[in-house]
Amino acid sequence: MHRNGARTGRRLLLAAPLMLTTRRAGAEGFPDRPLRLVVAYAPGGAADLMARGMAQQMQARLGVPVAVENRSGGTGAIGAQAVAQAPADGHTLLFASGTEISVQPLVQKVLPYDVDRDFVPITLCGITPIVLAVHAPLPAADLPALLALARRRPLSFSSSGSGTINHLTGELFAARAGIRLLHVPYRGTGQAVTDAASGQVDMIFAGLPAVLPLVRSRQLRILAVSTARRSAAAPEVPTLAELGLPGFDMSNWFGLMAPTGTPPAALARLGDAARAATATPEVRGLFARLGGEALGGSADEYRSFIGAERARLAEAVTAAGLAPG
């Protein structure tokens, strides 16, 4: 027994360096083929543009192509489901947003994915403000005038779809302001902005970059931003909190997530590449042009952010009277 035990001990000692070498080789060998970065929305929007900026910088650091794949539909659910069901090897990632990760689980009883079960966070890439913009001829030059008008006659607002962060922002605004607004959902931001500019609806809640071209052409007028601080891209526009809705703070956010079960070594490599990307002048400049701010940070910080966001939005859903459907 003593002789056998000694032989076993020697085998374990000899095997230990081999196991360590294998683990290191696995880390160094990732990625071994192109990566797929899934965006759950159509091309041309803020999520798509930010994802492409991140992909370009990440592939320069990972040494393999990072292809952006648009899987739109279901208010982000189709893209999220595609990543949740992908092999957990680090080669398929979700460019996640607040809508499918934070809002949809609160307003939908059934989803084809479970955020806690199916995804692991990598890094929070950035945040963008949501703006309240009105049809330019609407007799509401500022927020007090808009609220007075809403108390005299029904007003409508458009958004990129039911259950989106833009929709929830509009509902929360109405609840906090003590007015009633008719929500007109669209399948994406493009037509929602167009109809607000033409007067088919009175106002819109949308990302700043989506409305800026029509603001410049004087078809829309921005009254406020939804974030706690003013946007660096439009510093002249006041916040809703400044205009009499204290504590109002809503924004969209974007981050990288991988399927649960992705090897830790792959997650570490992806996190390093993503954080390096968010620190580049190219990505910071892109986010700034879109009215947002590039962030970065650890996976644990991102996980804590999602938890805090979920708790805050749960209160917003209740305040807005949105029941899961």
C-alpha atoms as a PDB file:
ATOM      1  CA  MET A   1       0.000   0.000   0.000  1.00  0.00           C
ATOM      2  CA  HIS A   2       2.814   2.379   0.866  1.00  0.00           C
ATOM      3  CA  ARG A   3       4.564   1.614  -2.457  1.00  0.00           C
ATOM      4  CA  ASN A   4       1.297   2.110  -4.406  1.00  0.00           C
ATOM      5  CA  GLY A   5       0.592   5.358  -2.571  1.00  0.00           C
ATOM      6  CA  ALA A   6       4.039   6.674  -3.372  1.00  0.00           C
ATOM      7  CA  ARG A   7       3.592   5.820  -7.064  1.00  0.00           C
ATOM      8  CA  THR A   8       0.194   7.565  -7.081  1.00  0.00           C
ATOM      9  CA  GLY A   9       1.707  10.643  -5.454  1.00  0.00           C
ATOM     10  CA  ARG A  10       4.503  10.759  -8.031  1.00  0.00           C
ATOM     11  CA  ARG A  11       1.939  10.471 -10.868  1.00  0.00           C
ATOM     12  CA  LEU A  12      -0.070  13.376  -9.426  1.00  0.00           C
ATOM     13  CA  LEU A  13       3.041  15.517  -9.062  1.00  0.00           C
ATOM     14  CA  LEU A  14       4.023  14.780 -12.656  1.00  0.00           C
ATOM     15  CA  ALA A  15       0.476  15.456 -13.890  1.00  0.00           C
ATOM     16  CA  ALA A  16       0.092  18.811 -12.117  1.00  0.00           C
ATOM     17  CA  PRO A  17       2.401  20.783 -14.440  1.00  0.00           C
ATOM     18  CA  LEU A  18       0.693  19.134 -17.420  1.00  0.00           C
ATOM     19  CA  MET A  19      -2.781  20.192 -16.208  1.00  0.00           C
ATOM     20  CA  LEU A  20      -1.548  23.738 -15.578  1.00  0.00           C
ATOM     21  CA  THR A  21       0.014  23.835 -19.045  1.00  0.00           C
ATOM     22  CA  THR A  22      -3.252  22.593 -20.589  1.00  0.00           C
ATOM     23  CA  ARG A  23      -5.246  25.316 -18.830  1.00  0.00           C
ATOM     24  CA  ARG A  24      -2.792  27.968 -19.983  1.00  0.00           C
ATOM     25  CA  ALA A  25      -2.879  26.651 -23.517  1.00  0.00           C
ATOM     26  CA  GLY A  26      -6.682  26.816 -23.457  1.00  0.00           C
ATOM     27  CA  ALA A  27      -6.573  30.456 -22.417  1.00  0.00           C
ATOM     28  CA  GLU A  28      -3.931  31.325 -24.985  1.00  0.00           C
ATOM     29  CA  GLY A  29      -5.780  29.419 -27.712  1.00  0.00           C
ATOM     30  CA  PHE A  30      -8.941  31.510 -27.385  1.00  0.00           C
ATOM     31  CA  PRO A  31     -10.344  32.718 -29.675  1.00  0.00           C
ATOM     32  CA  ASP A  32      -9.525  30.227 -32.414  1.00  0.00           C
ATOM     33  CA  ARG A  33     -12.085  31.441 -34.979  1.00  0.00           C
ATOM     34  CA  PRO A  34     -14.187  34.547 -35.744  1.00  0.00           C
ATOM     35  CA  LEU A  35     -16.527  35.897 -33.089  1.00  0.00           C
ATOM     36  CA  ARG A  36     -20.205  36.690 -33.600  1.00  0.00           C
ATOM     37  CA  LEU A  37     -21.560  39.786 -31.845  1.00  0.00           C
ATOM     38  CA  VAL A  38     -25.360  39.663 -31.924  1.00  0.00           C
ATOM     39  CA  VAL A  39     -27.334  42.918 -31.882  1.00  0.00           C
ATOM     40  CA  ALA A  40     -31.012  42.396 -31.091  1.00  0.00           C
ATOM     41  CA  TYR A  41     -32.101  45.361 -33.220  1.00  0.00           C
ATOM     42  CA  ALA A  42     -32.067  46.504 -36.832  1.00  0.00           C
ATOM     43  CA  PRO A  43     -28.996  48.010 -38.540  1.00  0.00           C
ATOM     44  CA  GLY A  44     -28.440  51.741 -38.312  1.00  0.00           C
ATOM     45  CA  GLY A  45     -29.641  52.361 -34.759  1.00  0.00           C
ATOM     46  CA  ALA A  46     -27.555  53.327 -31.755  1.00  0.00           C
ATOM     47  CA  ALA A  47     -27.110  49.710 -30.605  1.00  0.00           C
ATOM     48  CA  ASP A  48     -25.907  48.656 -34.052  1.00  0.00           C
ATOM     49  CA  LEU A  49     -23.494  51.581 -34.441  1.00  0.00           C
ATOM     50  CA  MET A  50     -22.012  51.097 -30.976  1.00  0.00           C
ATOM     51  CA  ALA A  51     -21.642  47.357 -31.489  1.00  0.00           C
ATOM     52  CA  ARG A  52     -19.780  47.900 -34.760  1.00  0.00           C
ATOM     53  CA  GLY A  53     -17.449  50.376 -33.093  1.00  0.00           C
ATOM     54  CA  MET A  54     -16.743  47.900 -30.292  1.00  0.00           C
ATOM     55  CA  ALA A  55     -16.304  45.015 -32.745  1.00  0.00           C
ATOM     56  CA  GLN A  56     -13.685  46.883 -34.750  1.00  0.00           C
ATOM     57  CA  GLN A  57     -11.592  47.660 -31.689  1.00  0.00           C
ATOM     58  CA  MET A  58     -12.016  44.220 -30.125  1.00  0.00           C
ATOM     59  CA  GLN A  59     -10.933  42.329 -33.225  1.00  0.00           C
ATOM     60  CA  ALA A  60      -7.728  44.356 -33.301  1.00  0.00           C
ATOM     61  CA  ARG A  61      -6.984  43.061 -29.803  1.00  0.00           C
ATOM     62  CA  LEU A  62      -8.243  39.493 -30.174  1.00  0.00           C
ATOM     63  CA  GLY A  63      -6.604  38.812 -33.525  1.00  0.00           C
ATOM     64  CA  VAL A  64      -9.736  37.364 -35.158  1.00  0.00           C
ATOM     65  CA  PRO A  65     -12.668  38.974 -37.007  1.00  0.00           C
ATOM     66  CA  VAL A  66     -15.637  40.084 -34.871  1.00  0.00           C
ATOM     67  CA  ALA A  67     -18.749  40.067 -37.061  1.00  0.00           C
ATOM     68  CA  VAL A  68     -21.860  41.997 -36.026  1.00  0.00           C
ATOM     69  CA  GLU A  69     -25.079  40.073 -36.672  1.00  0.00           C
ATOM     70  CA  ASN A  70     -28.445  41.832 -36.461  1.00  0.00           C
ATOM     71  CA  ARG A  71     -31.220  39.591 -35.109  1.00  0.00           C
ATOM     72  CA  SER A  72     -34.097  42.010 -34.603  1.00  0.00           C
ATOM     73  CA  GLY A  73     -37.652  41.322 -33.481  1.00  0.00           C
ATOM     74  CA  GLY A  74     -39.624  40.577 -30.352  1.00  0.00           C
ATOM     75  CA  THR A  75     -38.380  43.753 -28.651  1.00  0.00           C
ATOM     76  CA  GLY A  76     -34.919  42.257 -28.420  1.00  0.00           C
ATOM     77  CA  ALA A  77     -36.081  38.750 -27.502  1.00  0.00           C
ATOM     78  CA  ILE A  78     -35.077  37.090 -30.785  1.00  0.00           C
ATOM     79  CA  GLY A  79     -31.463  38.225 -30.575  1.00  0.00           C
ATOM     80  CA  ALA A  80     -31.215  37.438 -26.874  1.00  0.00           C
ATOM     81  CA  GLN A  81     -32.634  33.951 -27.432  1.00  0.00           C
ATOM     82  CA  ALA A  82     -30.138  33.288 -30.234  1.00  0.00           C
ATOM     83  CA  VAL A  83     -27.230  33.977 -27.881  1.00  0.00           C
ATOM     84  CA  ALA A  84     -28.781  32.103 -24.948  1.00  0.00           C
ATOM     85  CA  GLN A  85     -28.999  28.996 -27.148  1.00  0.00           C
ATOM     86  CA  ALA A  86     -25.542  29.378 -28.723  1.00  0.00           C
ATOM     87  CA  PRO A  87     -22.593  27.167 -27.711  1.00  0.00           C
ATOM     88  CA  ALA A  88     -21.020  28.516 -24.517  1.00  0.00           C
ATOM     89  CA  ASP A  89     -17.510  28.722 -25.941  1.00  0.00           C
ATOM     90  CA  GLY A  90     -17.027  32.506 -26.012  1.00  0.00           C
ATOM     91  CA  HIS A  91     -17.411  32.865 -29.775  1.00  0.00           C
ATOM     92  CA  THR A  92     -21.011  34.175 -29.658  1.00  0.00           C
ATOM     93  CA  LEU A  93     -21.791  37.289 -27.618  1.00  0.00           C
ATOM     94  CA  LEU A  94     -24.801  39.536 -27.066  1.00  0.00           C
ATOM     95  CA  PHE A  95     -24.479  43.300 -27.365  1.00  0.00           C
ATOM     96  CA  ALA A  96     -27.130  43.641 -24.695  1.00  0.00           C
ATOM     97  CA  SER A  97     -29.325  46.638 -23.971  1.00  0.00           C
ATOM     98  CA  GLY A  98     -31.529  47.689 -21.075  1.00  0.00           C
ATOM     99  CA  THR A  99     -34.667  46.752 -22.985  1.00  0.00           C
ATOM    100  CA  GLU A 100     -34.195  42.983 -23.332  1.00  0.00           C
ATOM    101  CA  ILE A 101     -32.185  42.545 -20.119  1.00  0.00           C
ATOM    102  CA  SER A 102     -33.847  44.934 -17.656  1.00  0.00           C
ATOM    103  CA  VAL A 103     -37.301  45.878 -18.951  1.00  0.00           C
ATOM    104  CA  GLN A 104     -38.672  42.863 -20.801  1.00  0.00           C
ATOM    105  CA  PRO A 105     -38.411  40.461 -17.829  1.00  0.00           C
ATOM    106  CA  LEU A 106     -40.516  42.951 -15.840  1.00  0.00           C
ATOM    107  CA  VAL A 107     -43.300  43.452 -18.390  1.00  0.00           C
ATOM    108  CA  GLN A 108     -43.511  40.027 -20.085  1.00  0.00           C
ATOM    109  CA  LYS A 109     -44.742  36.917 -18.295  1.00  0.00           C
ATOM    110  CA  VAL A 110     -43.086  34.584 -20.793  1.00  0.00           C
ATOM    111  CA  LEU A 111     -39.735  35.111 -22.525  1.00  0.00           C
ATOM    112  CA  PRO A 112     -37.640  32.619 -24.518  1.00  0.00           C
ATOM    113  CA  TYR A 113     -34.674  33.283 -22.231  1.00  0.00           C
ATOM    114  CA  ASP A 114     -33.923  33.864 -18.560  1.00  0.00           C
ATOM    115  CA  VAL A 115     -31.459  36.656 -17.849  1.00  0.00           C
ATOM    116  CA  ASP A 116     -30.065  35.135 -14.635  1.00  0.00           C
ATOM    117  CA  ARG A 117     -29.930  31.579 -15.951  1.00  0.00           C
ATOM    118  CA  ASP A 118     -28.776  32.084 -19.528  1.00  0.00           C
ATOM    119  CA  PHE A 119     -26.269  34.967 -19.497  1.00  0.00           C
ATOM    120  CA  VAL A 120     -23.055  35.970 -17.792  1.00  0.00           C
ATOM    121  CA  PRO A 121     -21.971  39.641 -17.856  1.00  0.00           C
ATOM    122  CA  ILE A 122     -18.626  40.708 -19.318  1.00  0.00           C
ATOM    123  CA  THR A 123     -18.522  44.512 -19.208  1.00  0.00           C
ATOM    124  CA  LEU A 124     -20.832  47.527 -19.325  1.00  0.00           C
ATOM    125  CA  CYS A 125     -19.875  49.373 -22.512  1.00  0.00           C
ATOM    126  CA  GLY A 126     -21.828  52.607 -22.116  1.00  0.00           C
ATOM    127  CA  ILE A 127     -25.055  54.498 -21.527  1.00  0.00           C
ATOM    128  CA  THR A 128     -27.122  56.879 -23.665  1.00  0.00           C
ATOM    129  CA  PRO A 129     -29.818  59.376 -22.643  1.00  0.00           C
ATOM    130  CA  ILE A 130     -33.447  59.278 -23.757  1.00  0.00           C
ATOM    131  CA  VAL A 131     -34.978  62.559 -24.872  1.00  0.00           C
ATOM    132  CA  LEU A 132     -38.491  63.950 -24.909  1.00  0.00           C
ATOM    133  CA  ALA A 133     -39.028  65.606 -28.301  1.00  0.00           C
ATOM    134  CA  VAL A 134     -42.240  67.140 -29.604  1.00  0.00           C
ATOM    135  CA  HIS A 135     -43.656  67.826 -33.061  1.00  0.00           C
ATOM    136  CA  ALA A 136     -42.236  71.291 -33.778  1.00  0.00           C
ATOM    137  CA  PRO A 137     -45.583  73.084 -34.460  1.00  0.00           C
ATOM    138  CA  LEU A 138     -47.089  71.732 -31.227  1.00  0.00           C
ATOM    139  CA  PRO A 139     -47.935  74.756 -29.029  1.00  0.00           C
ATOM    140  CA  ALA A 140     -45.548  73.687 -26.276  1.00  0.00           C
ATOM    141  CA  ALA A 141     -42.277  75.589 -26.242  1.00  0.00           C
ATOM    142  CA  ASP A 142     -41.186  74.074 -22.939  1.00  0.00           C
ATOM    143  CA  LEU A 143     -42.176  71.389 -20.452  1.00  0.00           C
ATOM    144  CA  PRO A 144     -44.626  73.492 -18.387  1.00  0.00           C
ATOM    145  CA  ALA A 145     -46.453  74.418 -21.595  1.00  0.00           C
ATOM    146  CA  LEU A 146     -46.544  70.759 -22.645  1.00  0.00           C
ATOM    147  CA  LEU A 147     -48.004  69.695 -19.298  1.00  0.00           C
ATOM    148  CA  ALA A 148     -50.617  72.433 -19.455  1.00  0.00           C
ATOM    149  CA  LEU A 149     -51.567  71.332 -22.970  1.00  0.00           C
ATOM    150  CA  ALA A 150     -51.802  67.691 -21.873  1.00  0.00           C
ATOM    151  CA  ARG A 151     -54.263  68.676 -19.168  1.00  0.00           C
ATOM    152  CA  ARG A 152     -56.478  70.418 -21.737  1.00  0.00           C
ATOM    153  CA  ARG A 153     -56.559  67.740 -24.425  1.00  0.00           C
ATOM    154  CA  PRO A 154     -55.280  64.185 -25.041  1.00  0.00           C
ATOM    155  CA  LEU A 155     -51.698  63.902 -26.300  1.00  0.00           C
ATOM    156  CA  SER A 156     -49.897  60.911 -27.786  1.00  0.00           C
ATOM    157  CA  PHE A 157     -46.291  59.717 -27.757  1.00  0.00           C
ATOM    158  CA  SER A 158     -44.473  57.245 -29.953  1.00  0.00           C
ATOM    159  CA  SER A 159     -41.699  54.835 -29.020  1.00  0.00           C
ATOM    160  CA  SER A 160     -39.675  52.072 -30.623  1.00  0.00           C
ATOM    161  CA  GLY A 161     -42.103  49.449 -29.284  1.00  0.00           C
ATOM    162  CA  SER A 162     -44.104  48.240 -26.310  1.00  0.00           C
ATOM    163  CA  GLY A 163     -41.904  47.138 -23.450  1.00  0.00           C
ATOM    164  CA  THR A 164     -38.850  49.101 -24.568  1.00  0.00           C
ATOM    165  CA  ILE A 165     -36.914  51.394 -22.282  1.00  0.00           C
ATOM    166  CA  ASN A 166     -38.224  54.321 -24.369  1.00  0.00           C
ATOM    167  CA  HIS A 167     -41.820  53.210 -23.775  1.00  0.00           C
ATOM    168  CA  LEU A 168     -41.237  52.799 -20.053  1.00  0.00           C
ATOM    169  CA  THR A 169     -39.656  56.259 -19.870  1.00  0.00           C
ATOM    170  CA  GLY A 170     -42.753  57.791 -21.462  1.00  0.00           C
ATOM    171  CA  GLU A 171     -45.110  55.970 -19.103  1.00  0.00           C
ATOM    172  CA  LEU A 172     -43.069  56.915 -16.060  1.00  0.00           C
ATOM    173  CA  PHE A 173     -42.956  60.536 -17.223  1.00  0.00           C
ATOM    174  CA  ALA A 174     -46.759  60.614 -17.529  1.00  0.00           C
ATOM    175  CA  ALA A 175     -47.215  59.025 -14.092  1.00  0.00           C
ATOM    176  CA  ARG A 176     -44.782  61.394 -12.384  1.00  0.00           C
ATOM    177  CA  ALA A 177     -46.199  64.451 -14.160  1.00  0.00           C
ATOM    178  CA  GLY A 178     -49.790  63.498 -13.357  1.00  0.00           C
ATOM    179  CA  ILE A 179     -50.979  63.470 -16.974  1.00  0.00           C
ATOM    180  CA  ARG A 180     -52.401  60.859 -19.339  1.00  0.00           C
ATOM    181  CA  LEU A 181     -50.674  60.072 -22.627  1.00  0.00           C
ATOM    182  CA  LEU A 182     -51.647  57.660 -25.389  1.00  0.00           C
ATOM    183  CA  HIS A 183     -48.771  55.350 -26.261  1.00  0.00           C
ATOM    184  CA  VAL A 184     -48.336  54.575 -29.968  1.00  0.00           C
ATOM    185  CA  PRO A 185     -45.783  51.749 -30.356  1.00  0.00           C
ATOM    186  CA  TYR A 186     -43.752  51.173 -33.529  1.00  0.00           C
ATOM    187  CA  ARG A 187     -41.541  48.361 -34.712  1.00  0.00           C
ATOM    188  CA  GLY A 188     -38.350  50.339 -34.381  1.00  0.00           C
ATOM    189  CA  THR A 189     -37.298  53.934 -33.912  1.00  0.00           C
ATOM    190  CA  GLY A 190     -37.209  55.085 -37.548  1.00  0.00           C
ATOM    191  CA  GLN A 191     -40.937  55.275 -38.239  1.00  0.00           C
ATOM    192  CA  ALA A 192     -41.666  56.423 -34.697  1.00  0.00           C
ATOM    193  CA  VAL A 193     -39.431  59.461 -35.246  1.00  0.00           C
ATOM    194  CA  THR A 194     -40.848  60.137 -38.716  1.00  0.00           C
ATOM    195  CA  ASP A 195     -44.436  60.151 -37.474  1.00  0.00           C
ATOM    196  CA  ALA A 196     -43.580  62.426 -34.556  1.00  0.00           C
ATOM    197  CA  ALA A 197     -41.886  64.827 -36.976  1.00  0.00           C
ATOM    198  CA  SER A 198     -44.924  64.820 -39.294  1.00  0.00           C
ATOM    199  CA  GLY A 199     -47.412  65.298 -36.481  1.00  0.00           C
ATOM    200  CA  GLN A 200     -49.036  61.867 -36.639  1.00  0.00           C
ATOM    201  CA  VAL A 201     -48.172  61.716 -32.938  1.00  0.00           C
ATOM    202  CA  ASP A 202     -47.501  64.656 -30.649  1.00  0.00           C
ATOM    203  CA  MET A 203     -44.190  63.618 -29.107  1.00  0.00           C
ATOM    204  CA  ILE A 204     -41.607  60.868 -28.882  1.00  0.00           C
ATOM    205  CA  PHE A 205     -39.287  59.329 -26.312  1.00  0.00           C
ATOM    206  CA  ALA A 206     -36.169  58.116 -28.112  1.00  0.00           C
ATOM    207  CA  GLY A 207     -32.405  58.091 -28.058  1.00  0.00           C
ATOM    208  CA  LEU A 208     -30.772  61.430 -28.781  1.00  0.00           C
ATOM    209  CA  PRO A 209     -29.086  60.404 -32.062  1.00  0.00           C
ATOM    210  CA  ALA A 210     -32.389  59.234 -33.547  1.00  0.00           C
ATOM    211  CA  VAL A 211     -34.020  62.652 -33.235  1.00  0.00           C
ATOM    212  CA  LEU A 212     -31.063  64.987 -33.849  1.00  0.00           C
ATOM    213  CA  PRO A 213     -31.381  65.121 -37.685  1.00  0.00           C
ATOM    214  CA  LEU A 214     -35.041  66.145 -37.437  1.00  0.00           C
ATOM    215  CA  VAL A 215     -34.266  68.626 -34.682  1.00  0.00           C
ATOM    216  CA  ARG A 216     -31.707  70.246 -36.968  1.00  0.00           C
ATOM    217  CA  SER A 217     -34.300  70.409 -39.753  1.00  0.00           C
ATOM    218  CA  ARG A 218     -36.750  72.003 -37.260  1.00  0.00           C
ATOM    219  CA  GLN A 219     -39.331  69.251 -37.497  1.00  0.00           C
ATOM    220  CA  LEU A 220     -38.833  68.177 -33.892  1.00  0.00           C
ATOM    221  CA  ARG A 221     -37.988  70.131 -30.765  1.00  0.00           C
ATOM    222  CA  ILE A 222     -36.261  68.575 -27.746  1.00  0.00           C
ATOM    223  CA  LEU A 223     -37.710  69.648 -24.415  1.00  0.00           C
ATOM    224  CA  ALA A 224     -35.738  67.524 -21.953  1.00  0.00           C
ATOM    225  CA  VAL A 225     -33.379  64.603 -21.408  1.00  0.00           C
ATOM    226  CA  SER A 226     -34.252  61.727 -19.091  1.00  0.00           C
ATOM    227  CA  THR A 227     -30.895  61.253 -17.360  1.00  0.00           C
ATOM    228  CA  ALA A 228     -29.845  62.720 -14.023  1.00  0.00           C
ATOM    229  CA  ARG A 229     -27.194  64.831 -15.753  1.00  0.00           C
ATOM    230  CA  ARG A 230     -27.375  66.840 -18.948  1.00  0.00           C
ATOM    231  CA  SER A 231     -25.969  65.220 -22.069  1.00  0.00           C
ATOM    232  CA  ALA A 232     -22.574  66.429 -23.260  1.00  0.00           C
ATOM    233  CA  ALA A 233     -23.941  66.145 -26.810  1.00  0.00           C
ATOM    234  CA  ALA A 234     -26.738  68.626 -26.038  1.00  0.00           C
ATOM    235  CA  PRO A 235     -25.698  70.551 -22.925  1.00  0.00           C
ATOM    236  CA  GLU A 236     -28.321  73.242 -23.517  1.00  0.00           C
ATOM    237  CA  VAL A 237     -31.193  70.762 -22.978  1.00  0.00           C
ATOM    238  CA  PRO A 238     -32.357  70.541 -19.336  1.00  0.00           C
ATOM    239  CA  THR A 239     -33.110  67.305 -17.517  1.00  0.00           C
ATOM    240  CA  LEU A 240     -36.592  66.280 -16.451  1.00  0.00           C
ATOM    241  CA  ALA A 241     -35.347  66.412 -12.868  1.00  0.00           C
ATOM    242  CA  GLU A 242     -34.378  70.062 -13.333  1.00  0.00           C
ATOM    243  CA  LEU A 243     -37.810  70.809 -14.769  1.00  0.00           C
ATOM    244  CA  GLY A 244     -39.782  69.659 -11.761  1.00  0.00           C
ATOM    245  CA  LEU A 245     -39.593  65.844 -11.708  1.00  0.00           C
ATOM    246  CA  PRO A 246     -36.982  65.262  -8.965  1.00  0.00           C
ATOM    247  CA  GLY A 247     -35.084  61.996  -9.087  1.00  0.00           C
ATOM    248  CA  PHE A 248     -36.115  61.214 -12.652  1.00  0.00           C
ATOM    249  CA  ASP A 249     -33.258  59.218 -14.180  1.00  0.00           C
ATOM    250  CA  MET A 250     -33.822  56.886 -17.111  1.00  0.00           C
ATOM    251  CA  SER A 251     -31.284  55.852 -19.711  1.00  0.00           C
ATOM    252  CA  ASN A 252     -30.504  53.068 -22.105  1.00  0.00           C
ATOM    253  CA  TRP A 253     -27.357  51.062 -21.585  1.00  0.00           C
ATOM    254  CA  PHE A 254     -25.314  48.642 -23.655  1.00  0.00           C
ATOM    255  CA  GLY A 255     -22.978  45.892 -22.546  1.00  0.00           C
ATOM    256  CA  LEU A 256     -21.443  42.578 -23.515  1.00  0.00           C
ATOM    257  CA  MET A 257     -22.874  39.273 -22.283  1.00  0.00           C
ATOM    258  CA  ALA A 258     -21.999  35.655 -23.046  1.00  0.00           C
ATOM    259  CA  PRO A 259     -23.947  32.402 -22.657  1.00  0.00           C
ATOM    260  CA  THR A 260     -23.756  30.890 -19.187  1.00  0.00           C
ATOM    261  CA  GLY A 261     -21.070  28.207 -19.052  1.00  0.00           C
ATOM    262  CA  THR A 262     -18.537  30.141 -21.128  1.00  0.00           C
ATOM    263  CA  PRO A 263     -15.048  29.177 -19.835  1.00  0.00           C
ATOM    264  CA  PRO A 264     -13.547  31.661 -17.351  1.00  0.00           C
ATOM    265  CA  ALA A 265     -10.395  32.023 -19.446  1.00  0.00           C
ATOM    266  CA  ALA A 266     -12.468  33.071 -22.457  1.00  0.00           C
ATOM    267  CA  LEU A 267     -14.491  35.514 -20.366  1.00  0.00           C
ATOM    268  CA  ALA A 268     -11.290  37.057 -19.001  1.00  0.00           C
ATOM    269  CA  ARG A 269      -9.825  37.495 -22.490  1.00  0.00           C
ATOM    270  CA  LEU A 270     -13.070  38.990 -23.801  1.00  0.00           C
ATOM    271  CA  GLY A 271     -13.338  41.324 -20.821  1.00  0.00           C
ATOM    272  CA  ASP A 272      -9.799  42.599 -21.299  1.00  0.00           C
ATOM    273  CA  ALA A 273     -10.412  43.233 -25.001  1.00  0.00           C
ATOM    274  CA  ALA A 274     -13.767  44.948 -24.395  1.00  0.00           C
ATOM    275  CA  ARG A 275     -12.456  47.221 -21.644  1.00  0.00           C
ATOM    276  CA  ALA A 276      -9.501  48.174 -23.792  1.00  0.00           C
ATOM    277  CA  ALA A 277     -11.940  48.958 -26.630  1.00  0.00           C
ATOM    278  CA  THR A 278     -14.096  51.269 -24.473  1.00  0.00           C
ATOM    279  CA  ALA A 279     -10.954  53.195 -23.507  1.00  0.00           C
ATOM    280  CA  THR A 280      -9.979  54.002 -27.108  1.00  0.00           C
ATOM    281  CA  PRO A 281     -10.560  57.489 -28.542  1.00  0.00           C
ATOM    282  CA  GLU A 282     -12.491  55.861 -31.391  1.00  0.00           C
ATOM    283  CA  VAL A 283     -15.109  54.224 -29.162  1.00  0.00           C
ATOM    284  CA  ARG A 284     -15.295  57.130 -26.729  1.00  0.00           C
ATOM    285  CA  GLY A 285     -15.780  59.511 -29.639  1.00  0.00           C
ATOM    286  CA  LEU A 286     -18.457  57.291 -31.186  1.00  0.00           C
ATOM    287  CA  PHE A 287     -20.448  57.070 -27.952  1.00  0.00           C
ATOM    288  CA  ALA A 288     -20.135  60.841 -27.461  1.00  0.00           C
ATOM    289  CA  ARG A 289     -21.428  61.522 -30.991  1.00  0.00           C
ATOM    290  CA  LEU A 290     -24.422  59.332 -30.151  1.00  0.00           C
ATOM    291  CA  GLY A 291     -25.065  61.386 -27.043  1.00  0.00           C
ATOM    292  CA  GLY A 292     -23.740  58.753 -24.663  1.00  0.00           C
ATOM    293  CA  GLU A 293     -20.742  57.886 -22.544  1.00  0.00           C
ATOM    294  CA  ALA A 294     -18.362  54.936 -22.896  1.00  0.00           C
ATOM    295  CA  LEU A 295     -17.764  53.151 -19.591  1.00  0.00           C
ATOM    296  CA  GLY A 296     -16.100  49.743 -19.232  1.00  0.00           C
ATOM    297  CA  GLY A 297     -15.537  48.142 -15.829  1.00  0.00           C
ATOM    298  CA  SER A 298     -15.402  44.668 -14.367  1.00  0.00           C
ATOM    299  CA  ALA A 299     -17.908  41.861 -14.768  1.00  0.00           C
ATOM    300  CA  ASP A 300     -18.825  42.142 -11.082  1.00  0.00           C
ATOM    301  CA  GLU A 301     -19.519  45.853 -11.463  1.00  0.00           C
ATOM    302  CA  TYR A 302     -21.704  45.115 -14.482  1.00  0.00           C
ATOM    303  CA  ARG A 303     -23.595  42.437 -12.547  1.00  0.00           C
ATOM    304  CA  SER A 304     -24.225  44.870  -9.682  1.00  0.00           C
ATOM    305  CA  PHE A 305     -25.379  47.518 -12.153  1.00  0.00           C
ATOM    306  CA  ILE A 306     -27.922  45.124 -13.694  1.00  0.00           C
ATOM    307  CA  GLY A 307     -29.260  44.249 -10.242  1.00  0.00           C
ATOM    308  CA  ALA A 308     -29.656  47.884  -9.241  1.00  0.00           C
ATOM    309  CA  GLU A 309     -31.228  48.719 -12.593  1.00  0.00           C
ATOM    310  CA  ARG A 310     -33.739  45.895 -12.207  1.00  0.00           C
ATOM    311  CA  ALA A 311     -34.816  47.121  -8.769  1.00  0.00           C
ATOM    312  CA  ARG A 312     -35.147  50.713  -9.968  1.00  0.00           C
ATOM    313  CA  LEU A 313     -37.093  49.741 -13.078  1.00  0.00           C
ATOM    314  CA  ALA A 314     -39.411  47.496 -11.078  1.00  0.00           C
ATOM    315  CA  GLU A 315     -40.459  50.607  -9.190  1.00  0.00           C
ATOM    316  CA  ALA A 316     -40.889  52.437 -12.496  1.00  0.00           C
ATOM    317  CA  VAL A 317     -43.055  49.654 -13.923  1.00  0.00           C
ATOM    318  CA  THR A 318     -45.287  49.793 -10.850  1.00  0.00           C
ATOM    319  CA  ALA A 319     -45.493  53.583 -10.954  1.00  0.00           C
ATOM    320  CA  ALA A 320     -46.395  53.479 -14.632  1.00  0.00           C
ATOM    321  CA  GLY A 321     -49.055  50.807 -14.091  1.00  0.00           C
ATOM    322  CA  LEU A 322     -47.498  48.353 -16.544  1.00  0.00           C
ATOM    323  CA  ALA A 323     -48.597  44.823 -15.689  1.00  0.00           C
ATOM    324  CA  PRO A 324     -46.747  41.811 -17.143  1.00  0.00           C
ATOM    325  CA  GLY A 325     -48.529  40.597 -20.264  1.00  0.00           C
END
